[in-house]
């Protein structure tokens, strides 16, 4: 929730208060990243993981987050040079791309549940 709010604030500042947006620089994206780190820590506490399990969970979460960012950046670069209709340029195509990526990653939920079903028979 906080990360989404920060993203909306960033878009608002970029559009309506460019000098403030420039002065904040890298700090707005860092707030979003800090939310992801805090979320992983909270999940470790809720699941009552041991220290070693928490380390593995944190590394796996960081790897997944990195993979998602790299894929989104790569797709975003390709979209910059593509002939996208004017009405879909910018945020619209970004949201469509994020939704399609979410659907692709959601497929892993089915793989995970089927593996659990096979392992725990």
N, C-alpha and C. Protein backbone atom coordinates (compact mmCIF):
# COMPACT_ATOMS: atom_id res chain seq x y z
N UNK A 1 0.83 -1.19 0.00
CA UNK A 1 0.00 0.00 0.00
C UNK A 1 0.88 1.26 0.00
N UNK A 2 1.90 1.25 0.86
CA UNK A 2 2.79 2.41 0.93
C UNK A 2 3.55 2.58 -0.38
N UNK A 3 4.02 1.46 -0.94
CA UNK A 3 4.78 1.54 -2.20
C UNK A 3 3.91 2.10 -3.32
N UNK A 4 2.64 1.68 -3.38
CA UNK A 4 1.74 2.21 -4.41
C UNK A 4 1.50 3.70 -4.21
N UNK A 5 1.33 4.10 -2.96
CA UNK A 5 1.14 5.52 -2.66
C UNK A 5 2.36 6.34 -3.07
N UNK A 6 3.54 5.81 -2.81
CA UNK A 6 4.77 6.51 -3.20
C UNK A 6 4.86 6.65 -4.71
N UNK A 7 4.44 5.61 -5.44
CA UNK A 7 4.47 5.68 -6.90
C UNK A 7 3.51 6.76 -7.41
N UNK A 8 2.33 6.85 -6.80
CA UNK A 8 1.38 7.89 -7.21
C UNK A 8 1.92 9.29 -6.88
N UNK A 9 2.55 9.43 -5.73
CA UNK A 9 3.16 10.72 -5.37
C UNK A 9 4.25 11.08 -6.37
N UNK A 10 5.05 10.08 -6.76
CA UNK A 10 6.12 10.33 -7.72
C UNK A 10 5.54 10.79 -9.07
N UNK A 11 4.48 10.14 -9.53
CA UNK A 11 3.86 10.56 -10.80
C UNK A 11 3.28 11.96 -10.68
N UNK A 12 2.65 12.27 -9.54
CA UNK A 12 2.08 13.59 -9.32
C UNK A 12 3.17 14.66 -9.33
N UNK A 13 4.27 14.38 -8.61
CA UNK A 13 5.35 15.36 -8.55
C UNK A 13 6.00 15.56 -9.92
N UNK A 14 6.17 14.49 -10.67
CA UNK A 14 6.78 14.60 -11.99
C UNK A 14 5.92 15.46 -12.91
N UNK A 15 4.60 15.33 -12.78
CA UNK A 15 3.69 16.06 -13.66
C UNK A 15 3.48 17.51 -13.24
N UNK A 16 3.26 17.74 -11.93
CA UNK A 16 2.84 19.07 -11.49
C UNK A 16 3.93 19.88 -10.77
N UNK A 17 4.92 19.23 -10.19
CA UNK A 17 5.99 19.93 -9.47
C UNK A 17 7.36 19.41 -9.89
N UNK A 18 7.75 19.63 -11.14
CA UNK A 18 9.02 19.09 -11.63
C UNK A 18 10.25 19.50 -10.80
N UNK A 19 10.35 20.75 -10.31
CA UNK A 19 11.55 21.09 -9.52
C UNK A 19 11.67 20.24 -8.24
N UNK A 20 10.54 20.00 -7.57
CA UNK A 20 10.56 19.16 -6.37
C UNK A 20 10.90 17.72 -6.73
N UNK A 21 10.37 17.24 -7.85
CA UNK A 21 10.67 15.88 -8.31
C UNK A 21 12.17 15.72 -8.56
N UNK A 22 12.77 16.71 -9.20
CA UNK A 22 14.21 16.65 -9.48
C UNK A 22 15.01 16.72 -8.19
N UNK A 23 14.59 17.55 -7.25
CA UNK A 23 15.34 17.69 -6.00
C UNK A 23 15.27 16.42 -5.15
N UNK A 24 14.14 15.69 -5.22
CA UNK A 24 14.04 14.43 -4.46
C UNK A 24 14.87 13.33 -5.10
N UNK A 25 15.03 13.39 -6.42
CA UNK A 25 15.91 12.47 -7.13
C UNK A 25 15.63 11.00 -6.85
N UNK A 26 16.65 10.32 -6.35
CA UNK A 26 16.60 8.87 -6.15
C UNK A 26 15.82 8.47 -4.91
N UNK A 27 15.47 9.40 -4.05
CA UNK A 27 14.87 9.05 -2.76
C UNK A 27 13.48 8.44 -2.88
N UNK A 28 12.68 8.86 -3.85
CA UNK A 28 11.34 8.28 -4.00
C UNK A 28 11.39 6.80 -4.39
N UNK A 29 12.20 6.40 -5.37
CA UNK A 29 12.30 4.95 -5.65
C UNK A 29 12.89 4.17 -4.48
N UNK A 30 13.75 4.79 -3.69
CA UNK A 30 14.32 4.10 -2.54
C UNK A 30 13.25 3.79 -1.49
N UNK A 31 12.27 4.66 -1.36
CA UNK A 31 11.18 4.39 -0.41
C UNK A 31 10.43 3.13 -0.83
N UNK A 32 10.19 2.98 -2.12
CA UNK A 32 9.51 1.79 -2.63
C UNK A 32 10.33 0.54 -2.35
N UNK A 33 11.63 0.60 -2.58
CA UNK A 33 12.50 -0.54 -2.31
C UNK A 33 12.52 -0.87 -0.83
N UNK A 34 12.54 0.14 0.01
CA UNK A 34 12.51 -0.10 1.46
C UNK A 34 11.22 -0.79 1.87
N UNK A 35 10.11 -0.49 1.21
CA UNK A 35 8.85 -1.17 1.50
C UNK A 35 8.95 -2.65 1.18
N UNK A 36 9.62 -2.99 0.09
CA UNK A 36 9.79 -4.40 -0.27
C UNK A 36 10.63 -5.12 0.77
N UNK A 37 11.70 -4.48 1.22
CA UNK A 37 12.57 -5.08 2.25
C UNK A 37 11.79 -5.26 3.55
N UNK A 38 11.04 -4.26 3.94
CA UNK A 38 10.25 -4.36 5.16
C UNK A 38 9.18 -5.45 5.04
N UNK A 39 8.59 -5.58 3.86
CA UNK A 39 7.60 -6.63 3.63
C UNK A 39 8.17 -8.02 3.81
N UNK A 40 9.39 -8.25 3.32
CA UNK A 40 10.05 -9.54 3.49
C UNK A 40 10.31 -9.81 4.97
N UNK A 41 10.76 -8.81 5.69
CA UNK A 41 11.02 -8.98 7.12
C UNK A 41 9.73 -9.31 7.88
N UNK A 42 8.64 -8.64 7.53
CA UNK A 42 7.37 -8.91 8.20
C UNK A 42 6.87 -10.32 7.88
N UNK A 43 7.03 -10.75 6.64
CA UNK A 43 6.63 -12.11 6.29
C UNK A 43 7.43 -13.15 7.05
N UNK A 44 8.71 -12.91 7.23
CA UNK A 44 9.55 -13.84 8.00
C UNK A 44 9.06 -13.94 9.45
N UNK A 45 8.67 -12.83 10.01
CA UNK A 45 8.18 -12.83 11.40
C UNK A 45 6.83 -13.54 11.48
N UNK A 46 5.94 -13.27 10.54
CA UNK A 46 4.60 -13.89 10.55
C UNK A 46 4.68 -15.40 10.39
N UNK A 47 5.60 -15.86 9.57
CA UNK A 47 5.73 -17.31 9.34
C UNK A 47 6.57 -18.01 10.41
N UNK A 48 7.11 -17.23 11.33
CA UNK A 48 7.94 -17.74 12.41
C UNK A 48 9.09 -18.60 11.87
N UNK A 49 9.82 -18.05 10.91
CA UNK A 49 10.93 -18.77 10.30
C UNK A 49 12.16 -18.72 11.20
N UNK A 50 12.96 -19.78 11.12
CA UNK A 50 14.23 -19.77 11.84
C UNK A 50 15.19 -18.82 11.13
N UNK A 51 16.35 -18.59 11.71
CA UNK A 51 17.30 -17.65 11.12
C UNK A 51 17.73 -18.11 9.73
N UNK A 52 18.07 -19.39 9.59
CA UNK A 52 18.51 -19.91 8.30
C UNK A 52 17.37 -19.86 7.27
N UNK A 53 16.17 -20.22 7.69
CA UNK A 53 15.02 -20.14 6.78
C UNK A 53 14.75 -18.69 6.36
N UNK A 54 14.92 -17.77 7.29
CA UNK A 54 14.70 -16.35 6.96
C UNK A 54 15.74 -15.86 5.96
N UNK A 55 16.98 -16.30 6.12
CA UNK A 55 18.04 -15.91 5.16
C UNK A 55 17.71 -16.44 3.77
N UNK A 56 17.34 -17.73 3.70
CA UNK A 56 17.00 -18.32 2.40
C UNK A 56 15.78 -17.62 1.80
N UNK A 57 14.78 -17.34 2.62
CA UNK A 57 13.58 -16.64 2.15
C UNK A 57 13.93 -15.25 1.62
N UNK A 58 14.80 -14.55 2.33
CA UNK A 58 15.20 -13.20 1.90
C UNK A 58 15.98 -13.24 0.58
N UNK A 59 16.88 -14.21 0.45
CA UNK A 59 17.65 -14.33 -0.79
C UNK A 59 16.74 -14.70 -1.95
N UNK A 60 15.80 -15.61 -1.72
CA UNK A 60 14.86 -16.00 -2.78
C UNK A 60 13.97 -14.82 -3.17
N UNK A 61 13.51 -14.06 -2.18
CA UNK A 61 12.67 -12.89 -2.47
C UNK A 61 13.45 -11.85 -3.25
N UNK A 62 14.68 -11.61 -2.86
CA UNK A 62 15.51 -10.63 -3.57
C UNK A 62 15.78 -11.09 -5.00
N UNK A 63 16.01 -12.38 -5.18
CA UNK A 63 16.24 -12.91 -6.53
C UNK A 63 15.00 -12.75 -7.40
N UNK A 64 13.84 -13.05 -6.85
CA UNK A 64 12.60 -12.89 -7.60
C UNK A 64 12.33 -11.43 -7.95
N UNK A 65 12.57 -10.54 -6.99
CA UNK A 65 12.37 -9.11 -7.22
C UNK A 65 13.32 -8.61 -8.31
N UNK A 66 14.57 -9.07 -8.25
CA UNK A 66 15.57 -8.67 -9.25
C UNK A 66 15.17 -9.19 -10.63
N UNK A 67 14.74 -10.45 -10.70
CA UNK A 67 14.31 -11.02 -11.97
C UNK A 67 13.14 -10.23 -12.56
N UNK A 68 12.16 -9.91 -11.72
CA UNK A 68 11.01 -9.13 -12.20
C UNK A 68 11.44 -7.76 -12.70
N UNK A 69 12.33 -7.09 -11.97
CA UNK A 69 12.80 -5.76 -12.41
C UNK A 69 13.57 -5.83 -13.72
N UNK A 70 14.42 -6.83 -13.86
CA UNK A 70 15.19 -6.97 -15.10
C UNK A 70 14.26 -7.24 -16.28
N UNK A 71 13.29 -8.12 -16.08
CA UNK A 71 12.35 -8.41 -17.16
C UNK A 71 11.52 -7.18 -17.52
N UNK A 72 11.02 -6.47 -16.51
CA UNK A 72 10.24 -5.27 -16.78
C UNK A 72 11.07 -4.20 -17.49
N UNK A 73 12.32 -4.03 -17.07
CA UNK A 73 13.20 -3.05 -17.71
C UNK A 73 13.47 -3.42 -19.16
N UNK A 74 13.71 -4.71 -19.41
CA UNK A 74 13.96 -5.16 -20.77
C UNK A 74 12.77 -4.95 -21.68
N UNK A 75 11.59 -5.29 -21.17
CA UNK A 75 10.37 -5.10 -21.97
C UNK A 75 10.12 -3.62 -22.18
N UNK A 76 10.35 -2.83 -21.14
CA UNK A 76 10.14 -1.37 -21.25
C UNK A 76 11.06 -0.76 -22.31
N UNK A 77 12.32 -1.24 -22.36
CA UNK A 77 13.25 -0.74 -23.38
C UNK A 77 12.76 -1.07 -24.78
N UNK A 78 12.28 -2.30 -24.95
CA UNK A 78 11.79 -2.69 -26.27
C UNK A 78 10.55 -1.91 -26.66
N UNK A 79 9.72 -1.58 -25.67
CA UNK A 79 8.53 -0.79 -25.97
C UNK A 79 8.87 0.64 -26.35
N UNK A 80 9.98 1.15 -25.84
CA UNK A 80 10.39 2.53 -26.17
C UNK A 80 10.69 2.67 -27.66
N UNK A 81 11.22 1.62 -28.28
CA UNK A 81 11.57 1.70 -29.70
C UNK A 81 10.49 1.12 -30.59
N UNK A 82 9.44 0.56 -29.99
CA UNK A 82 8.34 -0.02 -30.76
C UNK A 82 7.34 1.05 -31.19
N UNK A 83 6.55 0.70 -32.16
CA UNK A 83 5.51 1.61 -32.64
C UNK A 83 4.22 1.33 -31.87
N UNK A 84 4.10 1.95 -30.71
CA UNK A 84 2.94 1.78 -29.84
C UNK A 84 1.93 2.86 -30.20
N UNK A 85 0.64 2.51 -30.27
CA UNK A 85 -0.37 3.54 -30.55
C UNK A 85 -0.30 4.68 -29.53
N UNK A 86 -0.58 5.88 -30.00
CA UNK A 86 -0.42 7.07 -29.16
C UNK A 86 -1.23 6.98 -27.86
N UNK A 87 -2.42 6.40 -27.93
CA UNK A 87 -3.27 6.32 -26.73
C UNK A 87 -2.72 5.36 -25.68
N UNK A 88 -1.81 4.47 -26.07
CA UNK A 88 -1.26 3.49 -25.13
C UNK A 88 0.16 3.84 -24.65
N UNK A 89 0.72 4.91 -25.13
CA UNK A 89 2.09 5.26 -24.74
C UNK A 89 2.17 5.66 -23.27
N UNK A 90 3.32 5.40 -22.68
CA UNK A 90 3.56 5.84 -21.31
C UNK A 90 2.98 4.90 -20.26
N UNK A 91 2.20 5.46 -19.36
CA UNK A 91 1.68 4.70 -18.22
C UNK A 91 0.74 3.59 -18.66
N UNK A 92 -0.07 3.82 -19.68
CA UNK A 92 -1.05 2.81 -20.12
C UNK A 92 -0.36 1.52 -20.54
N UNK A 93 0.63 1.61 -21.39
CA UNK A 93 1.33 0.40 -21.83
C UNK A 93 2.13 -0.20 -20.69
N UNK A 94 2.60 0.63 -19.77
CA UNK A 94 3.31 0.12 -18.60
C UNK A 94 2.40 -0.73 -17.71
N UNK A 95 1.16 -0.27 -17.52
CA UNK A 95 0.21 -1.04 -16.73
C UNK A 95 -0.20 -2.33 -17.42
N UNK A 96 -0.38 -2.27 -18.73
CA UNK A 96 -0.71 -3.48 -19.49
C UNK A 96 0.43 -4.48 -19.39
N UNK A 97 1.66 -3.98 -19.53
CA UNK A 97 2.84 -4.84 -19.44
C UNK A 97 2.96 -5.46 -18.04
N UNK A 98 2.72 -4.67 -17.00
CA UNK A 98 2.80 -5.19 -15.64
C UNK A 98 1.72 -6.24 -15.39
N UNK A 99 0.54 -6.02 -15.92
CA UNK A 99 -0.53 -7.02 -15.79
C UNK A 99 -0.19 -8.32 -16.48
N UNK A 100 0.39 -8.24 -17.67
CA UNK A 100 0.78 -9.45 -18.38
C UNK A 100 1.91 -10.18 -17.65
N UNK A 101 2.83 -9.42 -17.08
CA UNK A 101 3.90 -10.04 -16.30
C UNK A 101 3.33 -10.72 -15.05
N UNK A 102 2.34 -10.08 -14.42
CA UNK A 102 1.71 -10.67 -13.24
C UNK A 102 1.03 -11.98 -13.61
N UNK A 103 0.37 -12.03 -14.75
CA UNK A 103 -0.26 -13.27 -15.20
C UNK A 103 0.79 -14.35 -15.45
N UNK A 104 1.90 -13.96 -16.03
CA UNK A 104 2.97 -14.94 -16.29
C UNK A 104 3.53 -15.48 -14.97
N UNK A 105 3.77 -14.61 -14.00
CA UNK A 105 4.29 -15.07 -12.72
C UNK A 105 3.22 -15.85 -11.94
N UNK A 106 1.96 -15.55 -12.16
CA UNK A 106 0.88 -16.25 -11.47
C UNK A 106 0.83 -17.72 -11.89
N UNK A 107 1.36 -18.03 -13.07
CA UNK A 107 1.41 -19.43 -13.52
C UNK A 107 2.25 -20.28 -12.56
N UNK A 108 3.24 -19.65 -11.91
CA UNK A 108 4.07 -20.40 -10.97
C UNK A 108 3.28 -20.86 -9.74
N UNK A 109 2.18 -20.21 -9.44
CA UNK A 109 1.34 -20.63 -8.32
C UNK A 109 0.77 -22.01 -8.62
N UNK A 110 0.33 -22.24 -9.84
CA UNK A 110 -0.18 -23.54 -10.23
C UNK A 110 0.89 -24.61 -10.20
N UNK A 111 2.09 -24.26 -10.66
CA UNK A 111 3.21 -25.21 -10.62
C UNK A 111 3.54 -25.55 -9.17
N UNK A 112 3.57 -24.55 -8.31
CA UNK A 112 3.88 -24.77 -6.90
C UNK A 112 2.84 -25.66 -6.23
N UNK A 113 1.57 -25.39 -6.48
CA UNK A 113 0.52 -26.19 -5.82
C UNK A 113 0.52 -27.62 -6.35
N UNK A 114 0.80 -27.82 -7.63
CA UNK A 114 0.83 -29.19 -8.15
C UNK A 114 2.05 -29.95 -7.62
N UNK A 115 3.18 -29.27 -7.45
CA UNK A 115 4.35 -29.91 -6.85
C UNK A 115 4.10 -30.29 -5.41
N UNK A 116 3.43 -29.42 -4.66
CA UNK A 116 3.09 -29.74 -3.27
C UNK A 116 2.15 -30.94 -3.21
N UNK A 117 1.19 -31.00 -4.14
CA UNK A 117 0.26 -32.12 -4.16
C UNK A 117 0.99 -33.43 -4.43
N UNK A 118 1.98 -33.39 -5.32
CA UNK A 118 2.75 -34.60 -5.62
C UNK A 118 3.65 -35.01 -4.46
N UNK A 119 4.25 -34.02 -3.80
CA UNK A 119 5.18 -34.32 -2.71
C UNK A 119 4.49 -34.81 -1.46
N UNK A 120 3.30 -34.32 -1.19
CA UNK A 120 2.63 -34.65 0.06
C UNK A 120 1.55 -35.71 -0.09
N UNK A 121 1.63 -36.52 -1.14
CA UNK A 121 0.66 -37.62 -1.32
C UNK A 121 0.96 -38.75 -0.37
